[in-house]
Amino acid sequence: MQMRDRISDFLEGKQGLSANSKQSYKYDLEQFLDIVGERISDTSLKIYQAQLANLKMSAQKRKLSSCNQFLYFLYQTGEVDSFYRLELAKQAEKKTEKPELLDLASFWQESDYPEGRLLALLILEMGLLPSEILALKVADINLDFQVLRINKASQQRIVTIPMTLLSELKPLMGQTYLFERGGKAYSRQWAFRQLESFVKEKGFPALSAQALREQFILRQIENKVDLYEIAKKLGLKTVLTLEKYR
């Protein structure tokens, strides 16, 4: 019996799998056998592993899991004499450069995109998400006490407004939303376009909202703010995602 015929036998033993899952297994295993052929050996497995190197890590893990289960099945049924197991290729450790602190002083200068400018400053100086900014009502902003309230998923958090932003917010206090048109909040697409236009104008075309939030984190760390305090400001439940900035 050819190895390819053993795929059906293997899948028959997989109880409770959906049709889609079985099809995924079948595709991965047929691809595996296309590369290793009928004779499974250390050499053929290394060739297969090399073929996976350019795939996303999630795809690599899925394929290796499917193949390892199949290899174990072949060993149990006596199709192969040795128990083979594929491992994730040890990729050359890339020196992941830590994100650098950028000089974004130009963000405070005048702009042809005032809405994009204010969006950028709120992310950079307060670490807010675009979705949080767009949902922000003027009623949730108290300039006298220098705080604003973020309402998200039935939870609230109070965020301090930096002194430098008070004068930027004051002219907008007569509205319903901080960013609005006809009393209705703008969409995320609108915010994306405004932000994109502003950062391009200032010479930072690659800066996304996420990258700006990262700049907020880096500035906090530069100022010796505790990770737990930063997590609190960002509305994070744990500091796990901040550990890499230590």
C-alpha atoms as a PDB file:
ATOM      1  CA  MET A   1       0.000   0.000   0.000  1.00  0.00           C
ATOM      2  CA  GLN A   2       1.326   3.430  -0.936  1.00  0.00           C
ATOM      3  CA  MET A   3       1.859   6.091   1.714  1.00  0.00           C
ATOM      4  CA  ARG A   4      -0.759   8.327   0.100  1.00  0.00           C
ATOM      5  CA  ASP A   5      -3.386   5.628   0.639  1.00  0.00           C
ATOM      6  CA  ARG A   6      -2.564   5.624   4.350  1.00  0.00           C
ATOM      7  CA  ILE A   7      -3.843   9.204   4.663  1.00  0.00           C
ATOM      8  CA  SER A   8      -7.453   7.976   4.395  1.00  0.00           C
ATOM      9  CA  ASP A   9      -6.814   5.297   7.031  1.00  0.00           C
ATOM     10  CA  PHE A  10      -5.265   7.900   9.309  1.00  0.00           C
ATOM     11  CA  LEU A  11      -8.202  10.283   8.916  1.00  0.00           C
ATOM     12  CA  GLU A  12     -10.729   7.519   9.602  1.00  0.00           C
ATOM     13  CA  GLY A  13      -9.225   7.193  13.054  1.00  0.00           C
ATOM     14  CA  LYS A  14      -9.758  10.903  13.703  1.00  0.00           C
ATOM     15  CA  GLN A  15     -13.152  10.918  15.373  1.00  0.00           C
ATOM     16  CA  GLY A  16     -15.115  14.128  15.744  1.00  0.00           C
ATOM     17  CA  LEU A  17     -13.244  16.135  13.122  1.00  0.00           C
ATOM     18  CA  SER A  18     -15.279  18.440  10.903  1.00  0.00           C
ATOM     19  CA  ALA A  19     -15.171  18.038   7.130  1.00  0.00           C
ATOM     20  CA  ASN A  20     -13.102  21.217   6.873  1.00  0.00           C
ATOM     21  CA  SER A  21     -10.576  19.959   9.424  1.00  0.00           C
ATOM     22  CA  LYS A  22     -10.222  16.642   7.605  1.00  0.00           C
ATOM     23  CA  GLN A  23      -9.704  18.473   4.338  1.00  0.00           C
ATOM     24  CA  SER A  24      -7.015  20.602   5.974  1.00  0.00           C
ATOM     25  CA  TYR A  25      -5.243  17.492   7.294  1.00  0.00           C
ATOM     26  CA  LYS A  26      -5.496  15.828   3.866  1.00  0.00           C
ATOM     27  CA  TYR A  27      -4.047  18.862   2.096  1.00  0.00           C
ATOM     28  CA  ASP A  28      -1.114  19.157   4.526  1.00  0.00           C
ATOM     29  CA  LEU A  29      -0.309  15.441   4.392  1.00  0.00           C
ATOM     30  CA  GLU A  30      -0.502  15.184   0.605  1.00  0.00           C
ATOM     31  CA  GLN A  31       1.822  18.167   0.371  1.00  0.00           C
ATOM     32  CA  PHE A  32       4.127  16.454   2.882  1.00  0.00           C
ATOM     33  CA  LEU A  33       4.258  13.239   0.817  1.00  0.00           C
ATOM     34  CA  ASP A  34       4.810  15.191  -2.405  1.00  0.00           C
ATOM     35  CA  ILE A  35       8.090  16.346  -0.889  1.00  0.00           C
ATOM     36  CA  VAL A  36       9.304  13.337   1.126  1.00  0.00           C
ATOM     37  CA  GLY A  37       8.054  10.691  -1.307  1.00  0.00           C
ATOM     38  CA  GLU A  38       7.458   7.056  -0.397  1.00  0.00           C
ATOM     39  CA  ARG A  39      10.634   6.632   1.626  1.00  0.00           C
ATOM     40  CA  ILE A  40      10.625   8.581   4.858  1.00  0.00           C
ATOM     41  CA  SER A  41      14.088   9.281   6.220  1.00  0.00           C
ATOM     42  CA  ASP A  42      15.909  11.917   8.241  1.00  0.00           C
ATOM     43  CA  THR A  43      17.133  13.446   4.990  1.00  0.00           C
ATOM     44  CA  SER A  44      13.697  13.692   3.351  1.00  0.00           C
ATOM     45  CA  LEU A  45      12.242  15.181   6.546  1.00  0.00           C
ATOM     46  CA  LYS A  46      14.957  17.842   6.629  1.00  0.00           C
ATOM     47  CA  ILE A  47      14.116  18.758   3.042  1.00  0.00           C
ATOM     48  CA  TYR A  48      10.452  19.111   4.026  1.00  0.00           C
ATOM     49  CA  GLN A  49      11.321  21.279   7.049  1.00  0.00           C
ATOM     50  CA  ALA A  50      13.398  23.543   4.820  1.00  0.00           C
ATOM     51  CA  GLN A  51      10.358  24.006   2.557  1.00  0.00           C
ATOM     52  CA  LEU A  52       8.354  25.332   5.524  1.00  0.00           C
ATOM     53  CA  ALA A  53      10.893  27.959   6.543  1.00  0.00           C
ATOM     54  CA  ASN A  54       9.234  30.808   4.629  1.00  0.00           C
ATOM     55  CA  LEU A  55       5.754  30.171   5.984  1.00  0.00           C
ATOM     56  CA  LYS A  56       4.197  32.053   8.864  1.00  0.00           C
ATOM     57  CA  MET A  57       4.912  30.495  12.243  1.00  0.00           C
ATOM     58  CA  SER A  58       1.237  29.576  12.736  1.00  0.00           C
ATOM     59  CA  ALA A  59       1.186  27.712   9.401  1.00  0.00           C
ATOM     60  CA  GLN A  60       4.452  25.926  10.226  1.00  0.00           C
ATOM     61  CA  LYS A  61       3.098  24.744  13.576  1.00  0.00           C
ATOM     62  CA  ARG A  62      -0.148  23.504  12.012  1.00  0.00           C
ATOM     63  CA  LYS A  63       1.626  21.525   9.303  1.00  0.00           C
ATOM     64  CA  LEU A  64       4.157  20.034  11.724  1.00  0.00           C
ATOM     65  CA  SER A  65       1.365  18.971  14.063  1.00  0.00           C
ATOM     66  CA  SER A  66      -0.500  17.231  11.224  1.00  0.00           C
ATOM     67  CA  CYS A  67       2.649  15.521   9.954  1.00  0.00           C
ATOM     68  CA  ASN A  68       3.831  14.400  13.390  1.00  0.00           C
ATOM     69  CA  GLN A  69       0.470  12.779  14.093  1.00  0.00           C
ATOM     70  CA  PHE A  70       0.669  11.027  10.737  1.00  0.00           C
ATOM     71  CA  LEU A  71       4.262   9.898  11.362  1.00  0.00           C
ATOM     72  CA  TYR A  72       3.230   8.437  14.717  1.00  0.00           C
ATOM     73  CA  PHE A  73       0.342   6.636  13.017  1.00  0.00           C
ATOM     74  CA  LEU A  74       2.756   5.164  10.447  1.00  0.00           C
ATOM     75  CA  TYR A  75       5.051   3.981  13.234  1.00  0.00           C
ATOM     76  CA  GLN A  76       2.183   2.404  15.177  1.00  0.00           C
ATOM     77  CA  THR A  77       0.944   0.545  12.107  1.00  0.00           C
ATOM     78  CA  GLY A  78       4.416  -0.656  11.157  1.00  0.00           C
ATOM     79  CA  GLU A  79       4.681   1.351   7.948  1.00  0.00           C
ATOM     80  CA  VAL A  80       7.964   2.849   9.149  1.00  0.00           C
ATOM     81  CA  ASP A  81      10.571   1.189  11.354  1.00  0.00           C
ATOM     82  CA  SER A  82      11.581   4.278  13.296  1.00  0.00           C
ATOM     83  CA  PHE A  83       9.599   6.907  15.150  1.00  0.00           C
ATOM     84  CA  TYR A  84      10.261  10.161  13.316  1.00  0.00           C
ATOM     85  CA  ARG A  85       9.322  13.552  14.629  1.00  0.00           C
ATOM     86  CA  LEU A  86       9.550  16.929  12.941  1.00  0.00           C
ATOM     87  CA  GLU A  87      10.711  19.940  14.931  1.00  0.00           C
ATOM     88  CA  LEU A  88      10.404  23.633  14.224  1.00  0.00           C
ATOM     89  CA  ALA A  89      13.558  24.732  12.465  1.00  0.00           C
ATOM     90  CA  LYS A  90      15.744  26.742  14.784  1.00  0.00           C
ATOM     91  CA  GLN A  91      15.754  29.972  12.916  1.00  0.00           C
ATOM     92  CA  ALA A  92      18.769  32.176  13.197  1.00  0.00           C
ATOM     93  CA  GLU A  93      17.962  34.416  16.089  1.00  0.00           C
ATOM     94  CA  LYS A  94      17.206  37.764  14.668  1.00  0.00           C
ATOM     95  CA  LYS A  95      18.341  40.604  16.788  1.00  0.00           C
ATOM     96  CA  THR A  96      15.034  42.295  17.210  1.00  0.00           C
ATOM     97  CA  GLU A  97      15.830  45.928  17.381  1.00  0.00           C
ATOM     98  CA  LYS A  98      14.019  47.633  20.169  1.00  0.00           C
ATOM     99  CA  PRO A  99      11.807  50.415  18.878  1.00  0.00           C
ATOM    100  CA  GLU A 100      13.564  53.729  19.238  1.00  0.00           C
ATOM    101  CA  LEU A 101      12.280  56.889  20.794  1.00  0.00           C
ATOM    102  CA  LEU A 102      11.495  59.326  17.990  1.00  0.00           C
ATOM    103  CA  ASP A 103      11.752  63.094  18.062  1.00  0.00           C
ATOM    104  CA  LEU A 104       8.172  64.085  17.288  1.00  0.00           C
ATOM    105  CA  ALA A 105       8.370  67.720  18.402  1.00  0.00           C
ATOM    106  CA  SER A 106       7.073  68.752  14.969  1.00  0.00           C
ATOM    107  CA  PHE A 107       3.693  67.255  15.886  1.00  0.00           C
ATOM    108  CA  TRP A 108       3.058  70.325  18.021  1.00  0.00           C
ATOM    109  CA  GLN A 109       3.502  72.671  15.082  1.00  0.00           C
ATOM    110  CA  GLU A 110       0.622  73.822  12.905  1.00  0.00           C
ATOM    111  CA  SER A 111      -0.730  71.442  10.301  1.00  0.00           C
ATOM    112  CA  ASP A 112      -2.988  71.355   7.269  1.00  0.00           C
ATOM    113  CA  TYR A 113      -4.623  68.369   8.975  1.00  0.00           C
ATOM    114  CA  PRO A 114      -5.695  69.663  12.412  1.00  0.00           C
ATOM    115  CA  GLU A 115      -7.923  66.674  13.154  1.00  0.00           C
ATOM    116  CA  GLY A 116      -5.135  64.264  12.262  1.00  0.00           C
ATOM    117  CA  ARG A 117      -2.763  66.310  14.404  1.00  0.00           C
ATOM    118  CA  LEU A 118      -5.022  66.128  17.472  1.00  0.00           C
ATOM    119  CA  LEU A 119      -5.606  62.407  16.956  1.00  0.00           C
ATOM    120  CA  ALA A 120      -1.852  61.849  16.828  1.00  0.00           C
ATOM    121  CA  LEU A 121      -1.243  63.935  19.956  1.00  0.00           C
ATOM    122  CA  LEU A 122      -3.930  62.123  21.951  1.00  0.00           C
ATOM    123  CA  ILE A 123      -2.333  58.786  21.081  1.00  0.00           C
ATOM    124  CA  LEU A 124       1.229  60.003  21.589  1.00  0.00           C
ATOM    125  CA  GLU A 125       0.638  61.876  24.854  1.00  0.00           C
ATOM    126  CA  MET A 126      -2.071  59.716  26.445  1.00  0.00           C
ATOM    127  CA  GLY A 127      -1.772  56.299  24.814  1.00  0.00           C
ATOM    128  CA  LEU A 128      -5.412  56.262  23.722  1.00  0.00           C
ATOM    129  CA  LEU A 129      -6.685  53.960  20.987  1.00  0.00           C
ATOM    130  CA  PRO A 130      -8.326  55.555  17.920  1.00  0.00           C
ATOM    131  CA  SER A 131     -11.574  53.730  18.781  1.00  0.00           C
ATOM    132  CA  GLU A 132     -11.478  55.210  22.293  1.00  0.00           C
ATOM    133  CA  ILE A 133     -10.857  58.698  20.933  1.00  0.00           C
ATOM    134  CA  LEU A 134     -13.710  58.503  18.415  1.00  0.00           C
ATOM    135  CA  ALA A 135     -16.136  57.323  21.124  1.00  0.00           C
ATOM    136  CA  LEU A 136     -15.054  60.112  23.463  1.00  0.00           C
ATOM    137  CA  LYS A 137     -17.856  62.512  24.398  1.00  0.00           C
ATOM    138  CA  VAL A 138     -17.171  66.025  25.579  1.00  0.00           C
ATOM    139  CA  ALA A 139     -19.246  65.218  28.688  1.00  0.00           C
ATOM    140  CA  ASP A 140     -16.512  62.725  29.621  1.00  0.00           C
ATOM    141  CA  ILE A 141     -13.823  65.417  29.596  1.00  0.00           C
ATOM    142  CA  ASN A 142     -13.168  67.636  32.609  1.00  0.00           C
ATOM    143  CA  LEU A 143     -10.571  70.265  31.823  1.00  0.00           C
ATOM    144  CA  ASP A 144     -10.744  71.791  35.322  1.00  0.00           C
ATOM    145  CA  PHE A 145      -9.609  68.528  36.897  1.00  0.00           C
ATOM    146  CA  GLN A 146      -7.476  67.574  33.883  1.00  0.00           C
ATOM    147  CA  VAL A 147      -9.073  64.159  33.438  1.00  0.00           C
ATOM    148  CA  LEU A 148     -11.180  62.299  30.915  1.00  0.00           C
ATOM    149  CA  ARG A 149     -13.244  59.167  31.281  1.00  0.00           C
ATOM    150  CA  ILE A 150     -12.950  56.256  28.865  1.00  0.00           C
ATOM    151  CA  ASN A 151     -16.042  54.038  28.703  1.00  0.00           C
ATOM    152  CA  LYS A 152     -15.271  50.691  27.145  1.00  0.00           C
ATOM    153  CA  ALA A 153     -17.056  47.337  27.389  1.00  0.00           C
ATOM    154  CA  SER A 154     -19.026  48.372  30.480  1.00  0.00           C
ATOM    155  CA  GLN A 155     -15.784  49.411  32.182  1.00  0.00           C
ATOM    156  CA  GLN A 156     -14.447  52.855  32.899  1.00  0.00           C
ATOM    157  CA  ARG A 157     -10.998  54.235  33.379  1.00  0.00           C
ATOM    158  CA  ILE A 158      -9.892  57.725  34.270  1.00  0.00           C
ATOM    159  CA  VAL A 159      -6.963  59.156  32.350  1.00  0.00           C
ATOM    160  CA  THR A 160      -5.035  62.295  33.234  1.00  0.00           C
ATOM    161  CA  ILE A 161      -4.859  64.954  30.523  1.00  0.00           C
ATOM    162  CA  PRO A 162      -1.375  66.473  30.137  1.00  0.00           C
ATOM    163  CA  MET A 163      -1.230  70.252  30.602  1.00  0.00           C
ATOM    164  CA  THR A 164       0.023  70.618  27.046  1.00  0.00           C
ATOM    165  CA  LEU A 165      -3.237  69.225  25.646  1.00  0.00           C
ATOM    166  CA  LEU A 166      -5.673  71.404  27.592  1.00  0.00           C
ATOM    167  CA  SER A 167      -5.510  74.297  25.124  1.00  0.00           C
ATOM    168  CA  GLU A 168      -5.953  71.840  22.240  1.00  0.00           C
ATOM    169  CA  LEU A 169      -9.174  70.447  23.723  1.00  0.00           C
ATOM    170  CA  LYS A 170     -10.759  73.653  25.026  1.00  0.00           C
ATOM    171  CA  PRO A 171     -12.137  74.892  21.653  1.00  0.00           C
ATOM    172  CA  LEU A 172     -14.027  71.609  21.190  1.00  0.00           C
ATOM    173  CA  MET A 173     -15.921  71.625  24.478  1.00  0.00           C
ATOM    174  CA  GLY A 174     -19.181  72.806  22.905  1.00  0.00           C
ATOM    175  CA  GLN A 175     -19.630  69.621  20.872  1.00  0.00           C
ATOM    176  CA  THR A 176     -21.197  66.250  21.655  1.00  0.00           C
ATOM    177  CA  TYR A 177     -18.226  64.137  20.554  1.00  0.00           C
ATOM    178  CA  LEU A 178     -14.639  65.273  20.489  1.00  0.00           C
ATOM    179  CA  PHE A 179     -14.537  64.404  16.785  1.00  0.00           C
ATOM    180  CA  GLU A 180     -17.899  64.756  15.114  1.00  0.00           C
ATOM    181  CA  ARG A 181     -19.911  65.875  12.151  1.00  0.00           C
ATOM    182  CA  GLY A 182     -23.481  66.973  12.709  1.00  0.00           C
ATOM    183  CA  GLY A 183     -23.404  65.582  16.234  1.00  0.00           C
ATOM    184  CA  LYS A 184     -22.338  62.122  15.066  1.00  0.00           C
ATOM    185  CA  ALA A 185     -18.957  60.534  15.705  1.00  0.00           C
ATOM    186  CA  TYR A 186     -16.633  60.016  12.756  1.00  0.00           C
ATOM    187  CA  SER A 187     -15.753  56.531  11.491  1.00  0.00           C
ATOM    188  CA  ARG A 188     -12.464  54.700  11.968  1.00  0.00           C
ATOM    189  CA  GLN A 189     -11.785  55.043   8.242  1.00  0.00           C
ATOM    190  CA  TRP A 190     -12.007  58.806   8.583  1.00  0.00           C
ATOM    191  CA  ALA A 191      -9.618  58.746  11.552  1.00  0.00           C
ATOM    192  CA  PHE A 192      -7.184  56.529   9.635  1.00  0.00           C
ATOM    193  CA  ARG A 193      -7.139  58.924   6.664  1.00  0.00           C
ATOM    194  CA  GLN A 194      -6.659  61.995   8.859  1.00  0.00           C
ATOM    195  CA  LEU A 195      -3.854  60.395  10.840  1.00  0.00           C
ATOM    196  CA  GLU A 196      -2.177  59.050   7.706  1.00  0.00           C
ATOM    197  CA  SER A 197      -2.231  62.478   6.044  1.00  0.00           C
ATOM    198  CA  PHE A 198      -0.824  64.171   9.141  1.00  0.00           C
ATOM    199  CA  VAL A 199       2.115  61.810   9.733  1.00  0.00           C
ATOM    200  CA  LYS A 200       3.020  61.976   6.036  1.00  0.00           C
ATOM    201  CA  GLU A 201       2.999  65.760   6.236  1.00  0.00           C
ATOM    202  CA  LYS A 202       5.407  65.603   9.182  1.00  0.00           C
ATOM    203  CA  GLY A 203       7.767  63.217   7.415  1.00  0.00           C
ATOM    204  CA  PHE A 204       6.825  60.007   9.263  1.00  0.00           C
ATOM    205  CA  PRO A 205       4.783  58.090   6.648  1.00  0.00           C
ATOM    206  CA  ALA A 206       5.345  54.711   8.341  1.00  0.00           C
ATOM    207  CA  LEU A 207       3.941  55.801  11.714  1.00  0.00           C
ATOM    208  CA  SER A 208       0.656  54.038  12.435  1.00  0.00           C
ATOM    209  CA  ALA A 209      -1.658  54.521  15.404  1.00  0.00           C
ATOM    210  CA  GLN A 210      -0.070  51.436  16.963  1.00  0.00           C
ATOM    211  CA  ALA A 211       3.430  52.844  16.452  1.00  0.00           C
ATOM    212  CA  LEU A 212       2.373  56.126  18.060  1.00  0.00           C
ATOM    213  CA  ARG A 213       0.990  54.234  21.048  1.00  0.00           C
ATOM    214  CA  GLU A 214       4.331  52.479  21.266  1.00  0.00           C
ATOM    215  CA  GLN A 215       6.006  55.889  21.373  1.00  0.00           C
ATOM    216  CA  PHE A 216       3.780  56.747  24.339  1.00  0.00           C
ATOM    217  CA  ILE A 217       4.988  53.592  26.106  1.00  0.00           C
ATOM    218  CA  LEU A 218       8.643  54.375  25.349  1.00  0.00           C
ATOM    219  CA  ARG A 219       8.242  57.897  26.720  1.00  0.00           C
ATOM    220  CA  GLN A 220       6.661  56.566  29.889  1.00  0.00           C
ATOM    221  CA  ILE A 221       9.537  54.129  30.383  1.00  0.00           C
ATOM    222  CA  GLU A 222      12.041  56.896  29.666  1.00  0.00           C
ATOM    223  CA  ASN A 223      10.395  58.824  32.520  1.00  0.00           C
ATOM    224  CA  LYS A 224      10.794  55.791  34.848  1.00  0.00           C
ATOM    225  CA  VAL A 225       7.063  55.099  35.058  1.00  0.00           C
ATOM    226  CA  ASP A 226       6.325  51.630  36.469  1.00  0.00           C
ATOM    227  CA  LEU A 227       5.020  49.042  33.986  1.00  0.00           C
ATOM    228  CA  TYR A 228       1.920  48.439  36.100  1.00  0.00           C
ATOM    229  CA  GLU A 229       1.135  52.150  36.003  1.00  0.00           C
ATOM    230  CA  ILE A 230       1.599  52.217  32.229  1.00  0.00           C
ATOM    231  CA  ALA A 231      -0.708  49.200  31.866  1.00  0.00           C
ATOM    232  CA  LYS A 232      -3.310  51.007  33.956  1.00  0.00           C
ATOM    233  CA  LYS A 233      -3.092  54.102  31.752  1.00  0.00           C
ATOM    234  CA  LEU A 234      -3.516  51.970  28.634  1.00  0.00           C
ATOM    235  CA  GLY A 235      -6.405  49.969  30.056  1.00  0.00           C
ATOM    236  CA  LEU A 236      -4.438  46.703  29.966  1.00  0.00           C
ATOM    237  CA  LYS A 237      -5.237  43.947  32.455  1.00  0.00           C
ATOM    238  CA  THR A 238      -1.653  42.664  32.648  1.00  0.00           C
ATOM    239  CA  VAL A 239       1.858  43.931  31.906  1.00  0.00           C
ATOM    240  CA  LEU A 240       2.738  40.946  29.683  1.00  0.00           C
ATOM    241  CA  THR A 241       2.666  42.920  26.441  1.00  0.00           C
ATOM    242  CA  LEU A 242       4.844  45.616  28.011  1.00  0.00           C
ATOM    243  CA  GLU A 243       7.626  43.312  29.212  1.00  0.00           C
ATOM    244  CA  LYS A 244       9.540  43.617  25.927  1.00  0.00           C
ATOM    245  CA  TYR A 245      10.059  47.334  26.562  1.00  0.00           C
ATOM    246  CA  ARG A 246      11.953  46.801  29.809  1.00  0.00           C
END
